[in-house]
């Protein structure tokens, strides 16, 4: 699978309020850090620059269980890969 490991029975379906990306996570809390926004943080900043906070920007849309986990993982991965099934 693309977002979560094969055989995952329960996961959270999230959308980031900052960047708008939807993704799956093994966590099921109401809010979590967006992994996509965290990649954008520039750790090489100057002495007069402020460090941007991206804490807890992804909100839980739904907790998925059973077959729904695999279905949603497939749907979201098709959006990212553009329908390319070569990664499967």
Protein backbone atom coordinates (compact mmCIF):
# COMPACT_ATOMS: atom_id res chain seq x y z
CA UNK A 1 0.00 0.00 0.00
CA UNK A 2 1.09 3.60 -0.48
CA UNK A 3 0.35 5.49 2.77
CA UNK A 4 0.08 2.77 5.42
CA UNK A 5 1.72 -0.68 5.74
CA UNK A 6 0.08 -3.73 4.19
CA UNK A 7 -2.43 -5.33 6.54
CA UNK A 8 -3.32 -2.16 8.44
CA UNK A 9 -6.74 -2.62 10.09
CA UNK A 10 -7.33 0.90 11.45
CA UNK A 11 -6.02 4.33 10.46
CA UNK A 12 -6.92 8.01 10.37
CA UNK A 13 -7.91 9.93 7.23
CA UNK A 14 -6.59 13.50 7.55
CA UNK A 15 -6.61 16.79 5.67
CA UNK A 16 -4.11 19.54 6.36
CA UNK A 17 -5.66 22.97 6.91
CA UNK A 18 -2.49 24.72 5.72
CA UNK A 19 -1.57 22.91 2.47
CA UNK A 20 -4.85 21.03 1.80
CA UNK A 21 -3.21 17.62 1.30
CA UNK A 22 -5.30 14.58 2.26
CA UNK A 23 -3.43 11.56 3.61
CA UNK A 24 -3.69 8.45 5.78
CA UNK A 25 -1.85 7.98 9.05
CA UNK A 26 -1.60 5.16 11.56
CA UNK A 27 -2.52 7.74 14.20
CA UNK A 28 -6.19 8.42 15.01
CA UNK A 29 -5.94 11.59 17.11
CA UNK A 30 -8.11 14.64 16.29
CA UNK A 31 -5.12 16.69 15.07
CA UNK A 32 -1.58 15.74 14.06
CA UNK A 33 1.44 17.36 12.41
CA UNK A 34 1.25 17.41 8.62
CA UNK A 35 4.23 15.52 7.24
CA UNK A 36 4.06 17.47 3.98
CA UNK A 37 4.25 20.87 5.69
CA UNK A 38 7.11 19.63 7.88
CA UNK A 39 9.14 18.87 4.73
CA UNK A 40 8.94 22.56 3.75
CA UNK A 41 10.57 23.87 6.94
CA UNK A 42 13.97 25.42 6.23
CA UNK A 43 16.26 24.46 9.10
CA UNK A 44 19.05 26.69 7.79
CA UNK A 45 17.79 30.07 8.93
CA UNK A 46 19.60 33.22 9.80
CA UNK A 47 19.84 34.83 13.25
CA UNK A 48 17.08 37.36 12.50
CA UNK A 49 14.56 34.85 11.07
CA UNK A 50 11.68 33.32 13.03
CA UNK A 51 11.10 29.58 13.00
CA UNK A 52 7.69 28.84 11.50
CA UNK A 53 5.41 26.59 13.55
CA UNK A 54 3.48 23.88 11.70
CA UNK A 55 2.17 22.01 14.70
CA UNK A 56 -1.10 20.08 14.50
CA UNK A 57 -2.31 21.41 11.16
CA UNK A 58 -3.90 18.16 9.94
CA UNK A 59 -7.45 17.50 11.16
CA UNK A 60 -9.03 14.06 11.37
CA UNK A 61 -11.79 13.59 8.79
CA UNK A 62 -12.63 9.97 9.54
CA UNK A 63 -11.29 6.86 11.25
CA UNK A 64 -11.13 4.05 8.69
CA UNK A 65 -11.31 0.37 9.59
CA UNK A 66 -11.12 -2.96 7.77
CA UNK A 67 -11.54 -2.94 3.98
CA UNK A 68 -12.03 0.84 3.94
CA UNK A 69 -8.33 1.31 4.78
CA UNK A 70 -7.17 -0.46 1.62
CA UNK A 71 -9.82 1.22 -0.57
CA UNK A 72 -8.96 4.73 0.60
CA UNK A 73 -5.22 4.05 0.34
CA UNK A 74 -5.72 2.97 -3.28
CA UNK A 75 -7.87 6.00 -4.11
CA UNK A 76 -5.46 8.51 -2.57
CA UNK A 77 -2.42 6.86 -4.16
CA UNK A 78 -4.05 7.02 -7.62
CA UNK A 79 -4.45 10.78 -7.15
CA UNK A 80 -0.72 11.09 -6.36
CA UNK A 81 0.58 8.70 -9.04
CA UNK A 82 -1.83 9.91 -11.71
CA UNK A 83 -3.23 6.44 -12.30
CA UNK A 84 0.17 4.80 -12.76
CA UNK A 85 -0.18 1.24 -11.46
CA UNK A 86 3.54 0.41 -11.83
CA UNK A 87 4.21 1.00 -8.11
CA UNK A 88 1.72 -1.73 -7.10
